[in-house]
C-alpha atoms as a PDB file:
ATOM      1  CA  MET A   1      25.625 -28.654-146.742  1.00  0.00           C
ATOM      2  CA  MET A   2      27.482 -30.432-149.437  1.00  0.00           C
ATOM      3  CA  GLY A   3      30.233 -31.590-147.151  1.00  0.00           C
ATOM      4  CA  LEU A   4      28.034 -32.884-144.285  1.00  0.00           C
ATOM      5  CA  PRO A   5      27.026 -36.512-144.058  1.00  0.00           C
ATOM      6  CA  ARG A   6      23.388 -37.302-144.777  1.00  0.00           C
ATOM      7  CA  THR A   7      22.550 -38.054-141.121  1.00  0.00           C
ATOM      8  CA  GLN A   8      23.522 -34.542-140.048  1.00  0.00           C
ATOM      9  CA  ILE A   9      21.431 -32.604-142.584  1.00  0.00           C
ATOM     10  CA  GLY A  10      18.731 -30.731-140.639  1.00  0.00           C
ATOM     11  CA  ALA A  11      19.867 -32.270-137.356  1.00  0.00           C
ATOM     12  CA  ASP A  12      19.456 -30.179-134.211  1.00  0.00           C
ATOM     13  CA  THR A  13      22.940 -29.766-132.777  1.00  0.00           C
ATOM     14  CA  THR A  14      21.807 -27.954-129.614  1.00  0.00           C
ATOM     15  CA  GLY A  15      19.189 -30.524-128.444  1.00  0.00           C
ATOM     16  CA  ARG A  16      16.593 -27.778-128.196  1.00  0.00           C
ATOM     17  CA  GLY A  17      14.222 -29.345-130.763  1.00  0.00           C
ATOM     18  CA  ALA A  18      13.816 -32.522-128.740  1.00  0.00           C
ATOM     19  CA  GLN A  19      13.030 -30.489-125.644  1.00  0.00           C
ATOM     20  CA  VAL A  20      10.399 -28.410-127.503  1.00  0.00           C
ATOM     21  CA  ARG A  21       8.777 -31.553-128.935  1.00  0.00           C
ATOM     22  CA  SER A  22       8.679 -33.100-125.478  1.00  0.00           C
ATOM     23  CA  THR A  23       7.068 -29.973-124.002  1.00  0.00           C
ATOM     24  CA  ILE A  24       4.463 -29.904-126.780  1.00  0.00           C
ATOM     25  CA  ARG A  25       3.616 -33.573-126.190  1.00  0.00           C
ATOM     26  CA  SER A  26       3.240 -33.061-122.444  1.00  0.00           C
ATOM     27  CA  ASN A  27       1.017 -29.994-122.994  1.00  0.00           C
ATOM     28  CA  GLN A  28      -1.177 -31.973-125.382  1.00  0.00           C
ATOM     29  CA  ALA A  29      -1.417 -34.853-122.912  1.00  0.00           C
ATOM     30  CA  SER A  30      -2.359 -32.541-120.038  1.00  0.00           C
ATOM     31  CA  ARG A  31      -4.997 -30.808-122.210  1.00  0.00           C
ATOM     32  CA  HIS A  32      -6.380 -34.203-123.183  1.00  0.00           C
ATOM     33  CA  SER A  33      -6.555 -35.353-119.552  1.00  0.00           C
ATOM     34  CA  ARG A  34      -8.244 -32.083-118.493  1.00  0.00           C
ATOM     35  CA  GLY A  35     -10.781 -32.588-121.273  1.00  0.00           C
ATOM     36  CA  LEU A  36     -11.469 -36.108-120.043  1.00  0.00           C
ATOM     37  CA  VAL A  37     -11.939 -34.861-116.478  1.00  0.00           C
ATOM     38  CA  ARG A  38     -14.374 -32.167-117.659  1.00  0.00           C
ATOM     39  CA  LEU A  39     -16.272 -34.688-119.761  1.00  0.00           C
ATOM     40  CA  THR A  40     -16.470 -37.119-116.847  1.00  0.00           C
ATOM     41  CA  ILE A  41     -17.796 -34.395-114.532  1.00  0.00           C
ATOM     42  CA  LEU A  42     -20.333 -33.387-117.189  1.00  0.00           C
ATOM     43  CA  TYR A  43     -21.538 -36.977-117.561  1.00  0.00           C
ATOM     44  CA  ILE A  44     -21.836 -37.372-113.782  1.00  0.00           C
ATOM     45  CA  LEU A  45     -23.895 -34.152-113.552  1.00  0.00           C
ATOM     46  CA  ALA A  46     -26.095 -35.213-116.473  1.00  0.00           C
ATOM     47  CA  GLY A  47     -26.612 -38.612-114.841  1.00  0.00           C
ATOM     48  CA  GLY A  48     -27.601 -36.913-111.586  1.00  0.00           C
ATOM     49  CA  VAL A  49     -30.143 -34.712-113.358  1.00  0.00           C
ATOM     50  CA  ALA A  50     -31.524 -37.741-115.223  1.00  0.00           C
ATOM     51  CA  LEU A  51     -31.813 -39.631-111.938  1.00  0.00           C
ATOM     52  CA  ILE A  52     -33.650 -36.725-110.304  1.00  0.00           C
ATOM     53  CA  CYS A  53     -36.083 -36.689-113.233  1.00  0.00           C
ATOM     54  CA  LEU A  54     -36.573 -40.468-113.404  1.00  0.00           C
ATOM     55  CA  VAL A  55     -37.014 -41.315-109.707  1.00  0.00           C
ATOM     56  CA  PRO A  56     -40.538 -39.822-109.377  1.00  0.00           C
ATOM     57  CA  ILE A  57     -41.671 -41.582-112.554  1.00  0.00           C
ATOM     58  CA  LEU A  58     -40.254 -44.917-111.402  1.00  0.00           C
ATOM     59  CA  TRP A  59     -41.830 -44.407-107.967  1.00  0.00           C
ATOM     60  CA  MET A  60     -45.220 -43.767-109.594  1.00  0.00           C
ATOM     61  CA  VAL A  61     -44.936 -46.916-111.727  1.00  0.00           C
ATOM     62  CA  LYS A  62     -43.891 -48.950-108.667  1.00  0.00           C
ATOM     63  CA  THR A  63     -46.810 -47.586-106.648  1.00  0.00           C
ATOM     64  CA  SER A  64     -49.267 -48.511-109.406  1.00  0.00           C
ATOM     65  CA  PHE A  65     -48.438 -52.183-108.819  1.00  0.00           C
ATOM     66  CA  GLU A  66     -49.013 -52.070-105.033  1.00  0.00           C
ATOM     67  CA  THR A  67     -52.207 -52.804-103.131  1.00  0.00           C
ATOM     68  CA  PRO A  68     -54.223 -49.796-101.914  1.00  0.00           C
ATOM     69  CA  GLN A  69     -53.692 -50.864 -98.294  1.00  0.00           C
ATOM     70  CA  PHE A  70     -49.914 -50.889 -98.701  1.00  0.00           C
ATOM     71  CA  ILE A  71     -49.960 -47.491-100.440  1.00  0.00           C
ATOM     72  CA  ARG A  72     -51.828 -45.975 -97.466  1.00  0.00           C
ATOM     73  CA  SER A  73     -49.468 -47.536 -94.926  1.00  0.00           C
ATOM     74  CA  ALA A  74     -46.410 -45.700 -93.613  1.00  0.00           C
ATOM     75  CA  GLN A  75     -43.964 -48.293 -94.934  1.00  0.00           C
ATOM     76  CA  ILE A  76     -41.514 -47.274 -97.628  1.00  0.00           C
ATOM     77  CA  GLN A  77     -40.321 -50.061 -99.903  1.00  0.00           C
ATOM     78  CA  PHE A  78     -38.392 -49.741-103.136  1.00  0.00           C
ATOM     79  CA  TRP A  79     -40.049 -52.840-104.582  1.00  0.00           C
ATOM     80  CA  PRO A  80     -43.729 -53.865-104.163  1.00  0.00           C
ATOM     81  CA  ILE A  81     -44.160 -56.545-101.474  1.00  0.00           C
ATOM     82  CA  GLN A  82     -47.414 -57.715-103.027  1.00  0.00           C
ATOM     83  CA  PHE A  83     -47.378 -57.286-106.791  1.00  0.00           C
ATOM     84  CA  THR A  84     -50.894 -56.703-108.135  1.00  0.00           C
ATOM     85  CA  LEU A  85     -52.628 -55.546-111.311  1.00  0.00           C
ATOM     86  CA  GLU A  86     -55.830 -54.742-109.414  1.00  0.00           C
ATOM     87  CA  ASN A  87     -55.320 -50.981-109.755  1.00  0.00           C
ATOM     88  CA  TYR A  88     -55.203 -51.225-113.550  1.00  0.00           C
ATOM     89  CA  ARG A  89     -58.153 -53.587-113.622  1.00  0.00           C
ATOM     90  CA  GLY A  90     -60.125 -51.149-111.461  1.00  0.00           C
ATOM     91  CA  VAL A  91     -59.407 -48.173-113.697  1.00  0.00           C
ATOM     92  CA  LEU A  92     -60.130 -50.003-116.945  1.00  0.00           C
ATOM     93  CA  THR A  93     -63.375 -51.603-115.742  1.00  0.00           C
ATOM     94  CA  ASN A  94     -64.774 -48.641-113.786  1.00  0.00           C
ATOM     95  CA  PRO A  95     -67.922 -47.490-115.622  1.00  0.00           C
ATOM     96  CA  HIS A  96     -67.594 -43.965-114.235  1.00  0.00           C
ATOM     97  CA  ALA A  97     -63.996 -43.492-115.432  1.00  0.00           C
ATOM     98  CA  MET A  98     -64.784 -44.257-119.110  1.00  0.00           C
ATOM     99  CA  ILE A  99     -61.067 -44.611-119.809  1.00  0.00           C
ATOM    100  CA  GLY A 100     -61.721 -46.653-122.952  1.00  0.00           C
ATOM    101  CA  ARG A 101     -63.894 -43.916-124.427  1.00  0.00           C
ATOM    102  CA  ALA A 102     -61.312 -41.268-123.521  1.00  0.00           C
ATOM    103  CA  MET A 103     -58.537 -43.243-125.248  1.00  0.00           C
ATOM    104  CA  LEU A 104     -60.715 -43.731-128.341  1.00  0.00           C
ATOM    105  CA  ASN A 105     -61.495 -39.997-128.434  1.00  0.00           C
ATOM    106  CA  SER A 106     -57.789 -39.180-128.181  1.00  0.00           C
ATOM    107  CA  VAL A 107     -56.926 -41.503-131.053  1.00  0.00           C
ATOM    108  CA  VAL A 108     -59.729 -40.138-133.271  1.00  0.00           C
ATOM    109  CA  VAL A 109     -58.826 -36.499-132.588  1.00  0.00           C
ATOM    110  CA  ALA A 110     -55.104 -37.108-133.103  1.00  0.00           C
ATOM    111  CA  LEU A 111     -55.562 -39.025-136.361  1.00  0.00           C
ATOM    112  CA  ILE A 112     -58.038 -36.636-137.986  1.00  0.00           C
ATOM    113  CA  ALA A 113     -56.179 -33.475-136.867  1.00  0.00           C
ATOM    114  CA  THR A 114     -52.873 -34.908-138.080  1.00  0.00           C
ATOM    115  CA  LEU A 115     -54.305 -35.912-141.461  1.00  0.00           C
ATOM    116  CA  LEU A 116     -55.939 -32.494-141.930  1.00  0.00           C
ATOM    117  CA  ASN A 117     -52.717 -30.772-140.924  1.00  0.00           C
ATOM    118  CA  LEU A 118     -50.681 -32.976-143.255  1.00  0.00           C
ATOM    119  CA  VAL A 119     -52.855 -32.378-146.305  1.00  0.00           C
ATOM    120  CA  ILE A 120     -53.154 -28.613-145.805  1.00  0.00           C
ATOM    121  CA  THR A 121     -49.527 -27.949-144.906  1.00  0.00           C
ATOM    122  CA  ALA A 122     -48.102 -30.203-147.615  1.00  0.00           C
ATOM    123  CA  THR A 123     -49.969 -28.369-150.335  1.00  0.00           C
ATOM    124  CA  ALA A 124     -49.287 -24.921-148.832  1.00  0.00           C
ATOM    125  CA  GLY A 125     -45.611 -25.713-148.280  1.00  0.00           C
ATOM    126  CA  TYR A 126     -45.271 -26.952-151.861  1.00  0.00           C
ATOM    127  CA  ALA A 127     -46.899 -23.788-153.204  1.00  0.00           C
ATOM    128  CA  MET A 128     -44.722 -21.569-151.009  1.00  0.00           C
ATOM    129  CA  SER A 129     -41.520 -23.267-152.143  1.00  0.00           C
ATOM    130  CA  ARG A 130     -42.200 -23.770-155.880  1.00  0.00           C
ATOM    131  CA  TYR A 131     -44.347 -20.895-157.084  1.00  0.00           C
ATOM    132  CA  GLU A 132     -43.961 -17.137-157.203  1.00  0.00           C
ATOM    133  CA  PHE A 133     -47.209 -15.335-156.452  1.00  0.00           C
ATOM    134  CA  ARG A 134     -48.356 -11.965-155.238  1.00  0.00           C
ATOM    135  CA  GLY A 135     -48.322 -11.821-151.422  1.00  0.00           C
ATOM    136  CA  LYS A 136     -45.882 -14.677-150.963  1.00  0.00           C
ATOM    137  CA  PHE A 137     -43.556 -12.538-148.829  1.00  0.00           C
ATOM    138  CA  VAL A 138     -46.457 -11.170-146.764  1.00  0.00           C
ATOM    139  CA  PHE A 139     -47.824 -14.678-146.188  1.00  0.00           C
ATOM    140  CA  GLY A 140     -44.407 -15.980-145.122  1.00  0.00           C
ATOM    141  CA  THR A 141     -43.955 -13.021-142.783  1.00  0.00           C
ATOM    142  CA  TYR A 142     -47.413 -13.649-141.327  1.00  0.00           C
ATOM    143  CA  LEU A 143     -46.478 -17.268-140.612  1.00  0.00           C
ATOM    144  CA  LEU A 144     -43.313 -16.153-138.840  1.00  0.00           C
ATOM    145  CA  LEU A 145     -45.223 -13.580-136.782  1.00  0.00           C
ATOM    146  CA  ILE A 146     -47.586 -16.292-135.564  1.00  0.00           C
ATOM    147  CA  TYR A 147     -44.626 -17.931-133.809  1.00  0.00           C
ATOM    148  CA  MET A 148     -44.199 -14.806-131.669  1.00  0.00           C
ATOM    149  CA  ILE A 149     -47.718 -14.918-130.195  1.00  0.00           C
ATOM    150  CA  PRO A 150     -47.880 -16.954-126.979  1.00  0.00           C
ATOM    151  CA  ARG A 151     -50.425 -19.769-127.255  1.00  0.00           C
ATOM    152  CA  THR A 152     -52.041 -18.889-123.923  1.00  0.00           C
ATOM    153  CA  LEU A 153     -52.848 -15.416-125.250  1.00  0.00           C
ATOM    154  CA  VAL A 154     -55.198 -16.922-127.803  1.00  0.00           C
ATOM    155  CA  LEU A 155     -57.148 -19.180-125.412  1.00  0.00           C
ATOM    156  CA  ILE A 156     -59.945 -16.790-124.411  1.00  0.00           C
ATOM    157  CA  GLY A 157     -60.628 -15.714-127.982  1.00  0.00           C
ATOM    158  CA  LEU A 158     -60.546 -19.331-129.101  1.00  0.00           C
ATOM    159  CA  PHE A 159     -63.029 -20.331-126.398  1.00  0.00           C
ATOM    160  CA  VAL A 160     -65.411 -17.507-127.308  1.00  0.00           C
ATOM    161  CA  MET A 161     -65.223 -18.412-130.991  1.00  0.00           C
ATOM    162  CA  LEU A 162     -65.899 -22.117-130.301  1.00  0.00           C
ATOM    163  CA  ALA A 163     -68.795 -21.202-127.999  1.00  0.00           C
ATOM    164  CA  LYS A 164     -70.417 -19.015-130.706  1.00  0.00           C
ATOM    165  CA  LEU A 165     -70.029 -21.852-133.220  1.00  0.00           C
ATOM    166  CA  GLY A 166     -71.496 -24.379-130.755  1.00  0.00           C
ATOM    167  CA  LEU A 167     -68.365 -26.538-130.771  1.00  0.00           C
ATOM    168  CA  ILE A 168     -67.659 -26.640-127.025  1.00  0.00           C
ATOM    169  CA  ASN A 169     -67.427 -30.241-125.709  1.00  0.00           C
ATOM    170  CA  ARG A 170     -67.416 -31.676-129.216  1.00  0.00           C
ATOM    171  CA  LEU A 171     -64.703 -33.647-130.943  1.00  0.00           C
ATOM    172  CA  SER A 172     -65.086 -31.548-134.080  1.00  0.00           C
ATOM    173  CA  GLY A 173     -64.165 -28.389-132.128  1.00  0.00           C
ATOM    174  CA  LEU A 174     -61.093 -30.078-130.704  1.00  0.00           C
ATOM    175  CA  ILE A 175     -60.055 -31.370-134.141  1.00  0.00           C
ATOM    176  CA  ILE A 176     -60.394 -27.908-135.682  1.00  0.00           C
ATOM    177  CA  VAL A 177     -58.333 -26.295-132.918  1.00  0.00           C
ATOM    178  CA  TYR A 178     -55.529 -28.857-133.108  1.00  0.00           C
ATOM    179  CA  ALA A 179     -55.410 -28.795-136.899  1.00  0.00           C
ATOM    180  CA  ALA A 180     -55.465 -24.982-137.053  1.00  0.00           C
ATOM    181  CA  THR A 181     -52.744 -24.479-134.461  1.00  0.00           C
ATOM    182  CA  GLY A 182     -50.588 -27.111-136.129  1.00  0.00           C
ATOM    183  CA  ILE A 183     -50.850 -25.540-139.562  1.00  0.00           C
ATOM    184  CA  SER A 184     -48.938 -22.399-138.640  1.00  0.00           C
ATOM    185  CA  LEU A 185     -46.152 -24.503-137.156  1.00  0.00           C
ATOM    186  CA  SER A 186     -45.916 -26.994-140.017  1.00  0.00           C
ATOM    187  CA  ILE A 187     -45.732 -24.890-143.195  1.00  0.00           C
END
């Protein structure tokens, strides 16, 4: 190597290195283009699934702004011919629907159950993570076992228990059920 000029040190005299580098580059480019094709197909399929899921929802929203006569007619339009808010006005002002009371009940139940769940699970989670106590492993195992029980399996027993306590058709019964089922999932 001492007698060779600096430009020839490590040079490929057969030309094989350039050919190998070229083959590697073309393989990388073809892999990259195949990846792009796969990704494009995946995005098209995901868009199709999203469209299938969204069309009924959009159709329902569109229909809510149409007049009852047009809804009953055999015409199919993708945009309401007569835009109206009468359907919403009818639902919100109907004394038999009591939609305002139902929304208020939902807000009350959700807020109280969430606050109860938050207070109970925050303190229990803190105790489980910071302190060593007898039965900690058993309690943690019990919480994990609760995840394995299907929720529908508990419904009959829950109904019977609420009936014996006189909490059927009461907000307090609903709050207790939501808070209790949320506790096992939140600790």
